[in-house]
N, C-alpha and C. Protein backbone atom coordinates (compact mmCIF):
# COMPACT_ATOMS: atom_id res chain seq x y z
N MET A 1 147.88 166.42 90.24
CA MET A 1 147.63 165.94 91.50
C MET A 1 146.38 166.79 91.99
N ARG A 2 145.58 166.12 92.76
CA ARG A 2 144.29 166.72 93.25
C ARG A 2 144.26 166.44 94.75
N LEU A 3 143.69 167.33 95.43
CA LEU A 3 143.34 167.22 97.08
C LEU A 3 141.95 167.18 97.10
N ILE A 4 141.30 166.03 97.65
CA ILE A 4 139.98 165.96 97.87
C ILE A 4 139.66 166.21 99.39
N ILE A 5 138.82 167.13 99.70
CA ILE A 5 138.45 167.46 101.06
C ILE A 5 137.03 166.99 101.03
N ALA A 6 136.75 166.07 102.00
CA ALA A 6 135.40 165.56 102.09
C ALA A 6 135.07 165.61 103.55
N VAL A 7 133.97 166.49 103.80
CA VAL A 7 133.31 166.57 105.20
C VAL A 7 132.11 165.69 105.24
N VAL A 8 132.26 164.59 106.10
CA VAL A 8 131.28 163.55 106.26
C VAL A 8 130.81 163.44 107.69
N GLN A 9 129.69 162.81 107.84
CA GLN A 9 129.19 162.60 109.18
C GLN A 9 130.06 161.51 109.83
N ALA A 10 130.30 161.74 111.16
CA ALA A 10 131.19 160.78 111.90
C ALA A 10 130.75 159.24 111.87
N ARG A 11 129.52 158.99 111.79
CA ARG A 11 129.16 157.63 111.70
C ARG A 11 129.33 157.04 110.27
N ASP A 12 129.72 157.81 109.25
CA ASP A 12 130.04 157.29 107.99
C ASP A 12 131.54 157.21 107.81
N ALA A 13 132.33 157.92 108.66
CA ALA A 13 133.73 158.02 108.49
C ALA A 13 134.58 156.81 108.54
N ASP A 14 134.25 155.89 109.40
CA ASP A 14 134.91 154.67 109.63
C ASP A 14 134.84 153.75 108.30
N GLY A 15 133.67 153.63 107.98
CA GLY A 15 133.54 152.72 106.60
C GLY A 15 134.11 153.40 105.46
N LEU A 16 134.13 154.66 105.30
CA LEU A 16 134.88 155.35 104.19
C LEU A 16 136.28 155.07 104.32
N LEU A 17 136.89 155.35 105.56
CA LEU A 17 138.28 155.18 105.67
C LEU A 17 138.65 153.70 105.30
N GLU A 18 137.94 152.74 105.64
CA GLU A 18 138.21 151.32 105.33
C GLU A 18 138.26 151.11 103.86
N ARG A 19 137.22 151.61 103.24
CA ARG A 19 137.18 151.57 101.71
C ARG A 19 138.30 152.25 100.99
N LEU A 20 138.68 153.52 101.56
CA LEU A 20 139.83 154.17 100.88
C LEU A 20 141.14 153.29 101.07
N THR A 21 141.38 152.86 102.36
CA THR A 21 142.80 152.16 102.63
C THR A 21 142.64 150.94 101.77
N ALA A 22 141.54 150.21 101.72
CA ALA A 22 141.57 148.91 100.99
C ALA A 22 141.89 149.09 99.58
N ARG A 23 141.68 150.38 99.00
CA ARG A 23 141.97 150.57 97.68
C ARG A 23 143.46 151.21 97.49
N GLY A 24 144.08 151.48 98.68
CA GLY A 24 145.44 152.05 98.65
C GLY A 24 145.56 153.47 98.71
N PHE A 25 144.40 154.04 99.08
CA PHE A 25 144.52 155.47 99.16
C PHE A 25 144.87 155.90 100.64
N ARG A 26 145.59 157.05 100.84
CA ARG A 26 145.91 157.34 102.24
C ARG A 26 144.89 158.61 102.45
N ALA A 27 144.59 158.85 103.66
CA ALA A 27 143.75 160.01 104.17
C ALA A 27 144.18 160.51 105.49
N THR A 28 143.97 161.73 105.72
CA THR A 28 144.27 162.29 106.98
C THR A 28 142.81 162.80 107.40
N GLN A 29 142.64 162.36 108.76
CA GLN A 29 141.30 162.69 109.28
C GLN A 29 141.38 163.78 110.31
N ILE A 30 140.45 164.66 110.32
CA ILE A 30 140.38 165.84 111.22
C ILE A 30 138.89 165.72 111.72
N ASN A 31 138.77 165.55 113.02
CA ASN A 31 137.50 165.60 113.74
C ASN A 31 136.92 167.10 113.88
N SER A 32 135.80 167.30 113.58
CA SER A 32 135.03 168.60 113.63
C SER A 32 133.60 168.43 114.00
N ALA A 33 132.97 169.67 114.29
CA ALA A 33 131.46 169.71 114.54
C ALA A 33 131.17 170.81 113.81
N GLY A 34 129.74 170.75 113.39
CA GLY A 34 129.41 171.83 112.66
C GLY A 34 127.84 171.76 112.35
N GLY A 35 127.39 172.65 111.58
CA GLY A 35 125.98 172.70 111.24
C GLY A 35 125.15 173.23 112.42
N PHE A 36 123.95 173.54 112.15
CA PHE A 36 123.05 173.90 113.17
C PHE A 36 122.61 172.83 114.28
N LEU A 37 122.91 171.66 113.89
CA LEU A 37 122.53 170.62 114.95
C LEU A 37 123.75 170.29 115.73
N ARG A 38 124.99 170.80 115.36
CA ARG A 38 126.20 170.60 116.10
C ARG A 38 126.61 169.14 116.17
N GLU A 39 126.30 168.49 114.98
CA GLU A 39 126.60 167.06 114.99
C GLU A 39 128.19 166.86 114.80
N ARG A 40 128.59 165.69 115.17
CA ARG A 40 130.08 165.44 114.93
C ARG A 40 130.26 165.05 113.47
N ASN A 41 131.38 165.86 113.06
CA ASN A 41 131.71 165.54 111.56
C ASN A 41 133.16 165.05 111.55
N VAL A 42 133.65 164.61 110.35
CA VAL A 42 135.04 164.29 110.08
C VAL A 42 135.32 164.84 108.74
N THR A 43 136.47 165.60 108.67
CA THR A 43 136.95 166.06 107.44
C THR A 43 138.11 165.29 107.03
N LEU A 44 138.07 164.68 105.91
CA LEU A 44 139.16 163.82 105.23
C LEU A 44 139.80 164.60 104.23
N LEU A 45 141.26 164.53 104.24
CA LEU A 45 142.00 165.03 103.33
C LEU A 45 142.74 163.87 102.40
N VAL A 46 142.40 163.77 101.20
CA VAL A 46 142.96 162.71 100.39
C VAL A 46 143.59 163.22 99.22
N GLY A 47 144.95 163.13 99.01
CA GLY A 47 145.59 163.35 97.78
C GLY A 47 145.88 162.37 96.89
N VAL A 48 145.40 162.64 95.64
CA VAL A 48 145.43 161.54 94.64
C VAL A 48 145.77 162.12 93.22
N GLN A 49 146.29 161.24 92.31
CA GLN A 49 146.44 161.66 90.95
C GLN A 49 145.11 161.90 90.19
N GLU A 50 145.06 162.71 89.36
CA GLU A 50 143.80 163.10 88.82
C GLU A 50 143.01 161.96 88.19
N ALA A 51 143.68 160.97 87.76
CA ALA A 51 142.98 159.70 87.20
C ALA A 51 142.19 158.99 88.33
N TYR A 52 142.56 159.18 89.69
CA TYR A 52 141.89 158.45 90.71
C TYR A 52 140.78 159.24 91.39
N VAL A 53 140.50 160.47 90.91
CA VAL A 53 139.43 161.24 91.48
C VAL A 53 138.08 160.73 91.44
N ALA A 54 137.75 160.21 90.38
CA ALA A 54 136.45 159.70 90.13
C ALA A 54 136.19 158.45 91.05
N GLU A 55 137.31 157.66 91.21
CA GLU A 55 137.17 156.38 92.04
C GLU A 55 136.98 156.85 93.55
N VAL A 56 137.83 157.86 93.96
CA VAL A 56 137.53 158.29 95.47
C VAL A 56 136.23 158.84 95.57
N LEU A 57 135.56 159.64 94.62
CA LEU A 57 134.19 160.20 94.71
C LEU A 57 133.22 159.06 94.73
N ARG A 58 133.48 158.00 93.97
CA ARG A 58 132.60 156.87 93.93
C ARG A 58 132.58 156.20 95.47
N LEU A 59 133.84 156.01 95.98
CA LEU A 59 133.90 155.52 97.37
C LEU A 59 133.03 156.29 98.36
N ILE A 60 133.18 157.67 98.20
CA ILE A 60 132.48 158.55 99.11
C ILE A 60 130.97 158.36 99.04
N LYS A 61 130.53 158.30 97.71
CA LYS A 61 129.13 158.08 97.48
C LYS A 61 128.59 156.78 98.10
N GLN A 62 129.39 155.78 97.96
CA GLN A 62 129.03 154.46 98.60
C GLN A 62 128.88 154.43 100.08
N SER A 63 129.71 155.23 100.72
CA SER A 63 129.91 155.28 102.13
C SER A 63 129.03 156.27 102.97
N CYS A 64 128.70 157.41 102.30
CA CYS A 64 128.14 158.44 103.19
C CYS A 64 126.72 158.65 102.53
N HIS A 65 125.73 158.62 103.47
CA HIS A 65 124.34 158.54 103.14
C HIS A 65 123.75 159.65 103.97
N ALA A 66 122.69 160.22 103.30
CA ALA A 66 121.70 161.32 104.00
C ALA A 66 120.86 160.55 104.93
N ARG A 67 120.47 161.20 105.96
CA ARG A 67 119.56 160.56 107.00
C ARG A 67 118.54 161.51 107.23
N THR A 68 117.30 161.15 107.74
CA THR A 68 116.27 161.92 108.22
C THR A 68 116.33 161.94 109.66
N GLN A 69 116.32 163.14 110.50
CA GLN A 69 116.31 163.21 111.79
C GLN A 69 115.26 164.26 112.24
N PHE A 70 114.66 163.99 113.28
CA PHE A 70 113.53 164.83 113.77
C PHE A 70 114.35 165.67 114.95
N VAL A 71 114.01 166.97 114.97
CA VAL A 71 114.58 167.95 115.98
C VAL A 71 113.41 168.70 116.55
N ASN A 72 113.55 169.14 117.77
CA ASN A 72 112.65 169.97 118.21
C ASN A 72 113.01 171.51 118.11
N PRO A 73 112.23 172.29 117.60
CA PRO A 73 112.61 173.67 117.42
C PRO A 73 112.77 174.35 118.82
N LEU A 74 113.35 175.52 118.81
CA LEU A 74 113.61 176.25 119.96
C LEU A 74 112.16 176.81 120.43
N MET A 75 112.06 176.72 121.80
CA MET A 75 110.80 177.24 122.30
C MET A 75 110.60 178.87 122.20
N PRO A 76 109.49 179.41 121.58
CA PRO A 76 109.46 180.83 121.54
C PRO A 76 109.20 181.39 122.91
N ILE A 77 109.34 182.59 123.03
CA ILE A 77 109.10 183.40 124.35
C ILE A 77 107.50 183.44 124.31
N VAL A 78 107.01 182.88 125.40
CA VAL A 78 105.38 182.99 125.61
C VAL A 78 105.23 183.70 126.91
N GLU A 79 103.94 184.29 126.91
CA GLU A 79 103.52 185.10 128.02
C GLU A 79 103.05 184.00 129.18
N PRO A 80 103.07 184.53 130.37
CA PRO A 80 102.57 183.58 131.51
C PRO A 80 101.24 183.24 131.13
N GLY A 81 100.90 181.94 131.33
CA GLY A 81 99.43 181.52 131.17
C GLY A 81 99.39 180.84 129.73
N GLU A 82 100.22 181.20 128.83
CA GLU A 82 100.17 180.63 127.57
C GLU A 82 100.85 179.33 127.49
N SER A 83 100.61 178.49 126.58
CA SER A 83 101.23 177.17 126.44
C SER A 83 101.73 177.00 125.04
N TYR A 84 102.73 176.25 124.81
CA TYR A 84 103.32 176.00 123.54
C TYR A 84 103.79 174.59 123.41
N VAL A 85 103.34 173.95 122.41
CA VAL A 85 103.74 172.49 122.17
C VAL A 85 104.55 172.51 121.00
N ALA A 86 105.81 172.10 121.12
CA ALA A 86 106.70 172.16 120.00
C ALA A 86 106.35 170.93 119.15
N ASN A 87 106.31 170.98 117.88
CA ASN A 87 106.22 169.94 116.85
C ASN A 87 107.53 169.69 116.34
N PRO A 88 108.06 168.51 116.47
CA PRO A 88 109.40 168.12 115.89
C PRO A 88 109.36 168.39 114.31
N ILE A 89 110.40 168.85 113.68
CA ILE A 89 110.62 169.09 112.46
C ILE A 89 111.65 168.15 111.93
N GLU A 90 111.31 167.82 110.60
CA GLU A 90 112.30 166.76 109.90
C GLU A 90 113.31 167.43 109.08
N VAL A 91 114.63 167.07 109.30
CA VAL A 91 115.69 167.61 108.60
C VAL A 91 116.55 166.55 108.10
N GLN A 92 117.25 166.88 106.98
CA GLN A 92 118.15 165.84 106.33
C GLN A 92 119.53 166.23 106.90
N ILE A 93 120.22 165.05 107.29
CA ILE A 93 121.68 165.28 107.78
C ILE A 93 122.42 164.15 107.19
N GLY A 94 123.66 164.39 107.18
CA GLY A 94 124.59 163.27 106.57
C GLY A 94 124.91 163.54 105.12
N GLY A 95 125.35 162.51 104.47
CA GLY A 95 125.82 162.62 103.08
C GLY A 95 127.24 163.13 103.13
N ALA A 96 127.73 163.87 102.20
CA ALA A 96 129.07 164.39 102.29
C ALA A 96 129.16 165.92 101.42
N THR A 97 130.04 166.61 101.92
CA THR A 97 130.38 167.85 101.23
C THR A 97 131.89 167.63 100.67
N VAL A 98 132.04 167.66 99.35
CA VAL A 98 133.32 167.42 98.86
C VAL A 98 133.77 168.59 98.02
N PHE A 99 135.13 168.83 98.24
CA PHE A 99 135.94 169.74 97.43
C PHE A 99 137.00 169.12 96.78
N VAL A 100 137.23 169.38 95.38
CA VAL A 100 138.39 168.89 94.79
C VAL A 100 139.16 170.09 94.39
N LEU A 101 140.39 170.09 94.76
CA LEU A 101 141.32 171.21 94.51
C LEU A 101 142.53 170.82 93.86
N GLY A 102 143.17 171.62 92.98
CA GLY A 102 144.30 171.44 92.26
C GLY A 102 145.39 171.58 93.13
N VAL A 103 146.50 170.94 93.04
CA VAL A 103 147.72 170.86 93.97
C VAL A 103 148.88 171.31 93.08
N GLU A 104 149.52 172.40 93.25
CA GLU A 104 150.71 172.78 92.71
C GLU A 104 151.92 172.11 92.90
N ARG A 105 151.91 171.65 94.08
CA ARG A 105 153.20 170.99 94.55
C ARG A 105 152.87 170.09 95.56
N TYR A 106 153.54 168.87 95.67
CA TYR A 106 153.33 167.86 96.52
C TYR A 106 154.74 167.19 96.92
N GLU A 107 154.98 167.10 98.23
CA GLU A 107 156.08 166.50 98.57
C GLU A 107 155.82 165.42 99.88
N ARG A 108 156.30 164.35 99.94
CA ARG A 108 156.14 163.30 100.95
C ARG A 108 157.61 163.40 101.64
N ILE A 109 157.60 163.78 102.91
CA ILE A 109 158.76 163.80 103.61
C ILE A 109 158.80 162.71 104.67
N ALA A 110 159.87 161.73 104.59
CA ALA A 110 159.75 160.52 105.38
C ALA A 110 160.84 160.77 106.47
């Protein structure tokens, strides 16, 4: 048994959850925020037999994509009379961060 922990961008989460449930996988969703841009993320917990890990990873790759976003850097401290024009910088966001952990014991309590 394996526990897959996938941290994905919120805009990718719904599509990923639809793909997972269509294939019969159950997932627990935890909303979170993180990174230096404070973007909304979703952490998904998916428990699967080891034989299904590759399929879940494939579904994550199909659903979660990196994107380019432009952000304005913080304005530095300037002396009176000086001017500063911030140039937006390009950053990559999105995709997924995935952890696959071994599970020693699993119980489903109904």
